Amino acid sequence: MTLVVREGVRLHYTDSGDGVPVLWHTGGGGDGRMWEIAGYPAALPAHRHLVLDHRGHGRSDCPTGLEAHRLDEYVDDVLAVLDHAGVDRAVFVGYSSGGVVGLAALAKAPDRWSGLVTLGCVPEPDEDPADSLDLAAHLRVVGIRALLDEVGEQEDVPAPTWLLANLAETPTEMFALLLEAWARDVGRLWVDLPRVDVPTLFVAGSEECPTDDLEAAVARTPGAKGESLPGFGHLQTFWQSDVTAPLIADFVTALDAGRLGAAD
């Protein structure tokens, strides 16, 4: 495990492999072990993998206060990891709110990224900040494990125990602060999509993102492709890695070979 400190916040990440760098970022719950257990880095053996425990998660620090959880703080964290690792450009792969960080990182520092993959994260034109605030309030009442159970009840296939256990290790307050601090930023994702100038892959389950919404985001994003997973919900989009990891591997391999471009 490698440590970088940014403005007093200790961030842990693993750095393994050789080749084109890929940075892996999880969402509101869980830490970098999720990617390893599900086998995502193993699906890209000829690459260098930077697997991050982002602030509030895993072995990284859990800063308190709303300002410490603004979206720009998460973006600056991933840029600090790239700098610490000596990486000029990387492919960003983010799950759930990790995809939000990826989109915001592309907007802030487009020269640092060669490609973007989001799992379970598709911007929409009418996202309401009140939804994030309501979810944060509900989360504080029921706790993260109960919220996970609520999400799981909406899916036909139960999530594996290891995933639920990993997600539930994130302190409830860390997830709630993220939701509150990002509420004002949700609308900017849709606005920024036309400025995404690297090859992008949106992967989402049909039960978490209607096909029409996925197609709208793809059409708005230069060089983007979309993969809709029939019957998949939000959790399944991540843990069903026998389906999703090959999609990411094919995309990154094509990117490496120069077969993808922002105008494709």
C-alpha atoms as a PDB file:
ATOM      1  CA  MET A   1       0.000   0.000   0.000  1.00  0.00           C
ATOM      2  CA  THR A   2       1.335   3.421  -0.988  1.00  0.00           C
ATOM      3  CA  LEU A   3       0.559   6.613   0.920  1.00  0.00           C
ATOM      4  CA  VAL A   4       0.191  10.167  -0.354  1.00  0.00           C
ATOM      5  CA  VAL A   5      -0.807  13.085   1.867  1.00  0.00           C
ATOM      6  CA  ARG A   6      -2.753  15.993   0.368  1.00  0.00           C
ATOM      7  CA  GLU A   7      -3.548  18.958   2.597  1.00  0.00           C
ATOM      8  CA  GLY A   8      -3.337  16.760   5.680  1.00  0.00           C
ATOM      9  CA  VAL A   9      -5.530  13.945   4.355  1.00  0.00           C
ATOM     10  CA  ARG A  10      -3.758  10.603   4.020  1.00  0.00           C
ATOM     11  CA  LEU A  11      -4.757   8.688   0.889  1.00  0.00           C
ATOM     12  CA  HIS A  12      -3.837   5.045   0.401  1.00  0.00           C
ATOM     13  CA  TYR A  13      -3.575   3.330  -2.952  1.00  0.00           C
ATOM     14  CA  THR A  14      -1.962   0.240  -4.426  1.00  0.00           C
ATOM     15  CA  ASP A  15       0.358   0.467  -7.415  1.00  0.00           C
ATOM     16  CA  SER A  16       0.994  -2.738  -9.338  1.00  0.00           C
ATOM     17  CA  GLY A  17       1.787  -4.004 -12.816  1.00  0.00           C
ATOM     18  CA  ASP A  18       3.375  -2.420 -15.850  1.00  0.00           C
ATOM     19  CA  GLY A  19       1.986  -0.805 -18.952  1.00  0.00           C
ATOM     20  CA  VAL A  20      -0.617   1.856 -19.662  1.00  0.00           C
ATOM     21  CA  PRO A  21      -1.839   3.163 -16.253  1.00  0.00           C
ATOM     22  CA  VAL A  22      -5.430   2.643 -15.132  1.00  0.00           C
ATOM     23  CA  LEU A  23      -6.818   4.391 -12.038  1.00  0.00           C
ATOM     24  CA  TRP A  24      -9.706   2.608 -10.295  1.00  0.00           C
ATOM     25  CA  HIS A  25     -12.133   4.612  -8.108  1.00  0.00           C
ATOM     26  CA  THR A  26     -15.085   3.204  -6.166  1.00  0.00           C
ATOM     27  CA  GLY A  27     -18.264   4.998  -5.113  1.00  0.00           C
ATOM     28  CA  GLY A  28     -20.054   6.136  -1.983  1.00  0.00           C
ATOM     29  CA  GLY A  29     -19.331   2.850  -0.221  1.00  0.00           C
ATOM     30  CA  GLY A  30     -16.457   0.388  -0.307  1.00  0.00           C
ATOM     31  CA  ASP A  31     -12.747   0.666  -0.995  1.00  0.00           C
ATOM     32  CA  GLY A  32     -10.187  -0.429  -3.555  1.00  0.00           C
ATOM     33  CA  ARG A  33     -10.374  -4.083  -2.525  1.00  0.00           C
ATOM     34  CA  MET A  34     -13.697  -4.270  -4.373  1.00  0.00           C
ATOM     35  CA  TRP A  35     -11.909  -4.061  -7.700  1.00  0.00           C
ATOM     36  CA  GLU A  36      -9.349  -6.683  -6.744  1.00  0.00           C
ATOM     37  CA  ILE A  37     -11.866  -9.179  -5.358  1.00  0.00           C
ATOM     38  CA  ALA A  38     -14.131  -8.813  -8.381  1.00  0.00           C
ATOM     39  CA  GLY A  39     -11.159  -9.391 -10.689  1.00  0.00           C
ATOM     40  CA  TYR A  40     -11.152  -6.174 -12.689  1.00  0.00           C
ATOM     41  CA  PRO A  41      -7.390  -5.441 -12.683  1.00  0.00           C
ATOM     42  CA  ALA A  42      -6.716  -9.111 -13.450  1.00  0.00           C
ATOM     43  CA  ALA A  43      -8.731  -8.687 -16.656  1.00  0.00           C
ATOM     44  CA  LEU A  44      -6.083  -6.179 -17.818  1.00  0.00           C
ATOM     45  CA  PRO A  45      -2.814  -7.987 -17.021  1.00  0.00           C
ATOM     46  CA  ALA A  46      -0.637  -5.834 -19.290  1.00  0.00           C
ATOM     47  CA  HIS A  47      -1.384  -2.594 -17.446  1.00  0.00           C
ATOM     48  CA  ARG A  48      -0.306  -0.622 -14.424  1.00  0.00           C
ATOM     49  CA  HIS A  49      -3.061  -0.415 -11.830  1.00  0.00           C
ATOM     50  CA  LEU A  50      -3.542   2.426  -9.346  1.00  0.00           C
ATOM     51  CA  VAL A  51      -6.325   1.252  -7.028  1.00  0.00           C
ATOM     52  CA  LEU A  52      -7.445   4.007  -4.673  1.00  0.00           C
ATOM     53  CA  ASP A  53      -9.060   4.026  -1.257  1.00  0.00           C
ATOM     54  CA  HIS A  54     -10.579   7.497  -1.627  1.00  0.00           C
ATOM     55  CA  ARG A  55     -11.115   9.823   1.313  1.00  0.00           C
ATOM     56  CA  GLY A  56     -13.550   8.438   3.838  1.00  0.00           C
ATOM     57  CA  HIS A  57     -12.998   4.876   2.646  1.00  0.00           C
ATOM     58  CA  GLY A  58     -10.753   1.926   3.413  1.00  0.00           C
ATOM     59  CA  ARG A  59      -7.375   2.835   4.870  1.00  0.00           C
ATOM     60  CA  SER A  60      -7.579   6.485   3.840  1.00  0.00           C
ATOM     61  CA  ASP A  61      -8.474   9.245   6.285  1.00  0.00           C
ATOM     62  CA  CYS A  62     -12.065  10.163   7.100  1.00  0.00           C
ATOM     63  CA  PRO A  63     -12.114  13.971   7.178  1.00  0.00           C
ATOM     64  CA  THR A  64     -15.064  15.647   8.889  1.00  0.00           C
ATOM     65  CA  GLY A  65     -17.012  18.645   7.702  1.00  0.00           C
ATOM     66  CA  LEU A  66     -18.824  19.359   4.474  1.00  0.00           C
ATOM     67  CA  GLU A  67     -16.047  21.356   2.824  1.00  0.00           C
ATOM     68  CA  ALA A  68     -13.670  18.371   3.043  1.00  0.00           C
ATOM     69  CA  HIS A  69     -16.071  16.405   0.851  1.00  0.00           C
ATOM     70  CA  ARG A  70     -16.666  18.821  -2.002  1.00  0.00           C
ATOM     71  CA  LEU A  71     -16.367  17.121  -5.382  1.00  0.00           C
ATOM     72  CA  ASP A  72     -13.282  19.157  -6.246  1.00  0.00           C
ATOM     73  CA  GLU A  73     -11.496  17.664  -3.225  1.00  0.00           C
ATOM     74  CA  TYR A  74     -12.021  14.166  -4.620  1.00  0.00           C
ATOM     75  CA  VAL A  75     -10.792  15.331  -8.018  1.00  0.00           C
ATOM     76  CA  ASP A  76      -7.668  16.893  -6.529  1.00  0.00           C
ATOM     77  CA  ASP A  77      -7.057  13.648  -4.633  1.00  0.00           C
ATOM     78  CA  VAL A  78      -6.874  11.565  -7.817  1.00  0.00           C
ATOM     79  CA  LEU A  79      -4.603  14.126  -9.443  1.00  0.00           C
ATOM     80  CA  ALA A  80      -2.357  13.940  -6.370  1.00  0.00           C
ATOM     81  CA  VAL A  81      -2.217  10.157  -6.752  1.00  0.00           C
ATOM     82  CA  LEU A  82      -1.166  10.507 -10.396  1.00  0.00           C
ATOM     83  CA  ASP A  83       1.545  12.982  -9.413  1.00  0.00           C
ATOM     84  CA  HIS A  84       2.764  10.814  -6.545  1.00  0.00           C
ATOM     85  CA  ALA A  85       2.909   7.764  -8.820  1.00  0.00           C
ATOM     86  CA  GLY A  86       4.725   9.721 -11.554  1.00  0.00           C
ATOM     87  CA  VAL A  87       1.925   9.146 -14.049  1.00  0.00           C
ATOM     88  CA  ASP A  88       1.271  11.766 -16.724  1.00  0.00           C
ATOM     89  CA  ARG A  89      -1.915  10.241 -18.183  1.00  0.00           C
ATOM     90  CA  ALA A  90      -4.148   7.360 -17.157  1.00  0.00           C
ATOM     91  CA  VAL A  91      -7.420   5.696 -18.003  1.00  0.00           C
ATOM     92  CA  PHE A  92     -10.001   6.477 -15.305  1.00  0.00           C
ATOM     93  CA  VAL A  93     -12.437   3.724 -14.298  1.00  0.00           C
ATOM     94  CA  GLY A  94     -15.092   4.701 -11.761  1.00  0.00           C
ATOM     95  CA  TYR A  95     -18.049   2.887 -10.248  1.00  0.00           C
ATOM     96  CA  SER A  96     -21.172   4.731  -9.119  1.00  0.00           C
ATOM     97  CA  SER A  97     -20.125   8.102  -7.664  1.00  0.00           C
ATOM     98  CA  GLY A  98     -16.583   7.195  -8.702  1.00  0.00           C
ATOM     99  CA  GLY A  99     -17.798   7.852 -12.246  1.00  0.00           C
ATOM    100  CA  VAL A 100     -18.827  11.340 -11.119  1.00  0.00           C
ATOM    101  CA  VAL A 101     -15.253  11.934  -9.947  1.00  0.00           C
ATOM    102  CA  GLY A 102     -13.979  10.740 -13.320  1.00  0.00           C
ATOM    103  CA  LEU A 103     -16.197  13.120 -15.282  1.00  0.00           C
ATOM    104  CA  ALA A 104     -15.252  16.025 -13.025  1.00  0.00           C
ATOM    105  CA  ALA A 105     -11.547  15.121 -13.282  1.00  0.00           C
ATOM    106  CA  LEU A 106     -11.771  15.172 -17.070  1.00  0.00           C
ATOM    107  CA  ALA A 107     -13.360  18.611 -16.954  1.00  0.00           C
ATOM    108  CA  LYS A 108     -10.704  19.978 -14.599  1.00  0.00           C
ATOM    109  CA  ALA A 109      -7.564  18.335 -16.009  1.00  0.00           C
ATOM    110  CA  PRO A 110      -8.309  16.909 -19.475  1.00  0.00           C
ATOM    111  CA  ASP A 111      -4.621  16.464 -20.270  1.00  0.00           C
ATOM    112  CA  ARG A 112      -4.202  13.884 -17.476  1.00  0.00           C
ATOM    113  CA  TRP A 113      -6.624  11.311 -18.872  1.00  0.00           C
ATOM    114  CA  SER A 114      -6.490   9.104 -21.951  1.00  0.00           C
ATOM    115  CA  GLY A 115      -9.896   7.469 -21.485  1.00  0.00           C
ATOM    116  CA  LEU A 116     -12.867   7.146 -19.142  1.00  0.00           C
ATOM    117  CA  VAL A 117     -15.094   4.249 -18.114  1.00  0.00           C
ATOM    118  CA  THR A 118     -18.063   4.666 -15.796  1.00  0.00           C
ATOM    119  CA  LEU A 119     -19.934   1.748 -14.243  1.00  0.00           C
ATOM    120  CA  GLY A 120     -23.383   2.571 -12.952  1.00  0.00           C
ATOM    121  CA  CYS A 121     -22.983   6.298 -13.546  1.00  0.00           C
ATOM    122  CA  VAL A 122     -24.782   8.026 -16.422  1.00  0.00           C
ATOM    123  CA  PRO A 123     -25.437  11.803 -16.194  1.00  0.00           C
ATOM    124  CA  GLU A 124     -28.972  13.010 -16.825  1.00  0.00           C
ATOM    125  CA  PRO A 125     -30.185  16.498 -17.797  1.00  0.00           C
ATOM    126  CA  ASP A 126     -32.728  16.857 -15.001  1.00  0.00           C
ATOM    127  CA  GLU A 127     -30.878  15.598 -11.928  1.00  0.00           C
ATOM    128  CA  ASP A 128     -32.327  17.260  -8.820  1.00  0.00           C
ATOM    129  CA  PRO A 129     -29.998  18.264  -5.938  1.00  0.00           C
ATOM    130  CA  ALA A 130     -32.866  17.606  -3.533  1.00  0.00           C
ATOM    131  CA  ASP A 131     -32.645  13.892  -4.343  1.00  0.00           C
ATOM    132  CA  SER A 132     -29.083  13.728  -3.016  1.00  0.00           C
ATOM    133  CA  LEU A 133     -30.006  15.683   0.113  1.00  0.00           C
ATOM    134  CA  ASP A 134     -33.011  13.451   0.757  1.00  0.00           C
ATOM    135  CA  LEU A 135     -30.883  10.324   0.336  1.00  0.00           C
ATOM    136  CA  ALA A 136     -28.275  11.693   2.754  1.00  0.00           C
ATOM    137  CA  ALA A 137     -30.964  12.356   5.361  1.00  0.00           C
ATOM    138  CA  HIS A 138     -32.422   8.880   4.902  1.00  0.00           C
ATOM    139  CA  LEU A 139     -28.968   7.307   5.099  1.00  0.00           C
ATOM    140  CA  ARG A 140     -28.281   8.970   8.445  1.00  0.00           C
ATOM    141  CA  VAL A 141     -31.511   7.525   9.826  1.00  0.00           C
ATOM    142  CA  VAL A 142     -31.173   3.929   8.622  1.00  0.00           C
ATOM    143  CA  GLY A 143     -27.379   3.486   8.275  1.00  0.00           C
ATOM    144  CA  ILE A 144     -25.367   2.270   5.341  1.00  0.00           C
ATOM    145  CA  ARG A 145     -26.078  -1.446   5.769  1.00  0.00           C
ATOM    146  CA  ALA A 146     -29.844  -0.932   5.771  1.00  0.00           C
ATOM    147  CA  LEU A 147     -29.544   1.286   2.696  1.00  0.00           C
ATOM    148  CA  LEU A 148     -27.628  -1.472   0.924  1.00  0.00           C
ATOM    149  CA  ASP A 149     -30.376  -3.919   1.824  1.00  0.00           C
ATOM    150  CA  GLU A 150     -32.935  -1.543   0.325  1.00  0.00           C
ATOM    151  CA  VAL A 151     -30.953  -1.328  -2.918  1.00  0.00           C
ATOM    152  CA  GLY A 152     -30.467  -5.080  -2.995  1.00  0.00           C
ATOM    153  CA  GLU A 153     -34.195  -5.725  -2.585  1.00  0.00           C
ATOM    154  CA  GLN A 154     -34.751  -3.975  -5.917  1.00  0.00           C
ATOM    155  CA  GLU A 155     -32.507  -6.434  -7.764  1.00  0.00           C
ATOM    156  CA  ASP A 156     -33.467  -9.918  -8.939  1.00  0.00           C
ATOM    157  CA  VAL A 157     -30.110 -11.491  -8.072  1.00  0.00           C
ATOM    158  CA  PRO A 158     -28.698 -11.070  -4.534  1.00  0.00           C
ATOM    159  CA  ALA A 159     -25.319  -9.356  -4.284  1.00  0.00           C
ATOM    160  CA  PRO A 160     -22.484 -11.501  -2.899  1.00  0.00           C
ATOM    161  CA  THR A 161     -21.720 -11.296   0.801  1.00  0.00           C
ATOM    162  CA  TRP A 162     -18.180 -10.008   0.209  1.00  0.00           C
ATOM    163  CA  LEU A 163     -19.455  -6.971  -1.706  1.00  0.00           C
ATOM    164  CA  LEU A 164     -22.064  -6.019   0.875  1.00  0.00           C
ATOM    165  CA  ALA A 165     -19.512  -6.437   3.662  1.00  0.00           C
ATOM    166  CA  ASN A 166     -16.982  -4.243   1.879  1.00  0.00           C
ATOM    167  CA  LEU A 167     -19.509  -1.525   1.061  1.00  0.00           C
ATOM    168  CA  ALA A 168     -20.842  -1.537   4.622  1.00  0.00           C
ATOM    169  CA  GLU A 169     -17.389  -0.901   6.098  1.00  0.00           C
ATOM    170  CA  THR A 170     -17.607   2.705   4.936  1.00  0.00           C
ATOM    171  CA  PRO A 171     -18.809   4.913   7.807  1.00  0.00           C
ATOM    172  CA  THR A 172     -22.367   6.111   7.255  1.00  0.00           C
ATOM    173  CA  GLU A 173     -21.342   9.730   7.846  1.00  0.00           C
ATOM    174  CA  MET A 174     -18.690   9.615   5.119  1.00  0.00           C
ATOM    175  CA  PHE A 175     -21.268   8.562   2.527  1.00  0.00           C
ATOM    176  CA  ALA A 176     -23.788  11.105   3.819  1.00  0.00           C
ATOM    177  CA  LEU A 177     -21.275  13.960   3.642  1.00  0.00           C
ATOM    178  CA  LEU A 178     -20.405  13.007   0.067  1.00  0.00           C
ATOM    179  CA  LEU A 179     -24.071  13.117  -0.933  1.00  0.00           C
ATOM    180  CA  GLU A 180     -24.633  16.485   0.742  1.00  0.00           C
ATOM    181  CA  ALA A 181     -21.451  18.102  -0.532  1.00  0.00           C
ATOM    182  CA  TRP A 182     -22.002  16.962  -4.110  1.00  0.00           C
ATOM    183  CA  ALA A 183     -25.672  17.954  -4.295  1.00  0.00           C
ATOM    184  CA  ARG A 184     -24.888  21.314  -5.859  1.00  0.00           C
ATOM    185  CA  ASP A 185     -22.628  19.705  -8.473  1.00  0.00           C
ATOM    186  CA  VAL A 186     -24.955  17.107 -10.001  1.00  0.00           C
ATOM    187  CA  GLY A 187     -26.217  19.431 -12.719  1.00  0.00           C
ATOM    188  CA  ARG A 188     -22.753  20.300 -13.990  1.00  0.00           C
ATOM    189  CA  LEU A 189     -22.091  16.734 -15.184  1.00  0.00           C
ATOM    190  CA  TRP A 190     -24.635  16.940 -18.005  1.00  0.00           C
ATOM    191  CA  VAL A 191     -23.437  20.425 -18.946  1.00  0.00           C
ATOM    192  CA  ASP A 192     -19.827  19.238 -19.175  1.00  0.00           C
ATOM    193  CA  LEU A 193     -20.454  16.152 -21.348  1.00  0.00           C
ATOM    194  CA  PRO A 194     -19.853  17.905 -24.711  1.00  0.00           C
ATOM    195  CA  ARG A 195     -16.389  18.913 -23.451  1.00  0.00           C
ATOM    196  CA  VAL A 196     -15.292  15.335 -22.742  1.00  0.00           C
ATOM    197  CA  ASP A 197     -12.565  14.895 -25.342  1.00  0.00           C
ATOM    198  CA  VAL A 198     -11.281  11.385 -24.616  1.00  0.00           C
ATOM    199  CA  PRO A 199     -12.819   8.037 -25.563  1.00  0.00           C
ATOM    200  CA  THR A 200     -15.523   7.224 -23.025  1.00  0.00           C
ATOM    201  CA  LEU A 201     -17.511   4.111 -22.176  1.00  0.00           C
ATOM    202  CA  PHE A 202     -20.713   4.271 -20.136  1.00  0.00           C
ATOM    203  CA  VAL A 203     -21.766   0.892 -18.704  1.00  0.00           C
ATOM    204  CA  ALA A 204     -25.064   0.677 -16.834  1.00  0.00           C
ATOM    205  CA  GLY A 205     -27.750  -1.828 -15.992  1.00  0.00           C
ATOM    206  CA  SER A 206     -31.126  -1.411 -17.623  1.00  0.00           C
ATOM    207  CA  GLU A 207     -32.762  -1.421 -14.181  1.00  0.00           C
ATOM    208  CA  GLU A 208     -30.681   1.523 -12.917  1.00  0.00           C
ATOM    209  CA  CYS A 209     -30.579   3.564 -16.111  1.00  0.00           C
ATOM    210  CA  PRO A 210     -33.216   3.381 -18.862  1.00  0.00           C
ATOM    211  CA  THR A 211     -31.779   2.774 -22.311  1.00  0.00           C
ATOM    212  CA  ASP A 212     -33.081   6.138 -23.546  1.00  0.00           C
ATOM    213  CA  ASP A 213     -31.097   7.958 -20.835  1.00  0.00           C
ATOM    214  CA  LEU A 214     -27.936   6.040 -21.695  1.00  0.00           C
ATOM    215  CA  GLU A 215     -28.342   6.788 -25.383  1.00  0.00           C
ATOM    216  CA  ALA A 216     -28.900  10.487 -24.622  1.00  0.00           C
ATOM    217  CA  ALA A 217     -25.668  10.687 -22.624  1.00  0.00           C
ATOM    218  CA  VAL A 218     -23.738   8.876 -25.356  1.00  0.00           C
ATOM    219  CA  ALA A 219     -25.113  11.209 -28.023  1.00  0.00           C
ATOM    220  CA  ARG A 220     -24.091  14.252 -25.978  1.00  0.00           C
ATOM    221  CA  THR A 221     -20.537  13.009 -25.337  1.00  0.00           C
ATOM    222  CA  PRO A 222     -18.028  13.112 -28.237  1.00  0.00           C
ATOM    223  CA  GLY A 223     -16.489   9.708 -28.869  1.00  0.00           C
ATOM    224  CA  ALA A 224     -18.615   7.946 -26.259  1.00  0.00           C
ATOM    225  CA  LYS A 225     -19.968   4.419 -26.399  1.00  0.00           C
ATOM    226  CA  GLY A 226     -22.609   2.856 -24.208  1.00  0.00           C
ATOM    227  CA  GLU A 227     -23.324  -0.650 -22.952  1.00  0.00           C
ATOM    228  CA  SER A 228     -26.733  -1.390 -21.432  1.00  0.00           C
ATOM    229  CA  LEU A 229     -26.860  -4.583 -19.369  1.00  0.00           C
ATOM    230  CA  PRO A 230     -30.349  -6.119 -19.571  1.00  0.00           C
ATOM    231  CA  GLY A 231     -31.890  -6.800 -16.178  1.00  0.00           C
ATOM    232  CA  PHE A 232     -28.911  -5.524 -14.180  1.00  0.00           C
ATOM    233  CA  GLY A 233     -29.380  -3.251 -11.191  1.00  0.00           C
ATOM    234  CA  HIS A 234     -26.813  -0.954  -9.606  1.00  0.00           C
ATOM    235  CA  LEU A 235     -25.027  -3.521  -7.469  1.00  0.00           C
ATOM    236  CA  GLN A 236     -25.095  -6.194 -10.139  1.00  0.00           C
ATOM    237  CA  THR A 237     -23.446  -3.841 -12.611  1.00  0.00           C
ATOM    238  CA  PHE A 238     -20.367  -4.000 -10.398  1.00  0.00           C
ATOM    239  CA  TRP A 239     -20.189  -7.524  -9.034  1.00  0.00           C
ATOM    240  CA  GLN A 240     -21.220  -9.326 -12.223  1.00  0.00           C
ATOM    241  CA  SER A 241     -17.642  -8.865 -13.421  1.00  0.00           C
ATOM    242  CA  ASP A 242     -17.742 -11.863 -15.739  1.00  0.00           C
ATOM    243  CA  VAL A 243     -19.891  -9.564 -17.902  1.00  0.00           C
ATOM    244  CA  THR A 244     -18.533  -6.096 -17.148  1.00  0.00           C
ATOM    245  CA  ALA A 245     -14.778  -6.700 -16.813  1.00  0.00           C
ATOM    246  CA  PRO A 246     -14.453  -7.977 -20.414  1.00  0.00           C
ATOM    247  CA  LEU A 247     -16.302  -4.880 -21.657  1.00  0.00           C
ATOM    248  CA  ILE A 248     -13.780  -2.665 -19.877  1.00  0.00           C
ATOM    249  CA  ALA A 249     -10.840  -4.789 -21.011  1.00  0.00           C
ATOM    250  CA  ASP A 250     -11.956  -4.651 -24.651  1.00  0.00           C
ATOM    251  CA  PHE A 251     -12.405  -0.888 -24.451  1.00  0.00           C
ATOM    252  CA  VAL A 252      -9.012  -0.237 -22.837  1.00  0.00           C
ATOM    253  CA  THR A 253      -7.271  -2.645 -25.225  1.00  0.00           C
ATOM    254  CA  ALA A 254      -8.781  -0.852 -28.220  1.00  0.00           C
ATOM    255  CA  LEU A 255      -7.741   2.452 -26.677  1.00  0.00           C
ATOM    256  CA  ASP A 256      -4.162   1.177 -26.289  1.00  0.00           C
ATOM    257  CA  ALA A 257      -4.099   0.080 -29.905  1.00  0.00           C
ATOM    258  CA  GLY A 258      -5.236   3.484 -31.142  1.00  0.00           C
ATOM    259  CA  ARG A 259      -8.527   2.137 -32.453  1.00  0.00           C
ATOM    260  CA  LEU A 260     -10.551   4.647 -30.433  1.00  0.00           C
ATOM    261  CA  GLY A 261     -10.619   8.399 -30.641  1.00  0.00           C
ATOM    262  CA  ALA A 262     -12.777  11.199 -29.313  1.00  0.00           C
ATOM    263  CA  ALA A 263     -14.325  11.620 -32.751  1.00  0.00           C
ATOM    264  CA  ASP A 264     -15.202   7.910 -33.208  1.00  0.00           C
END
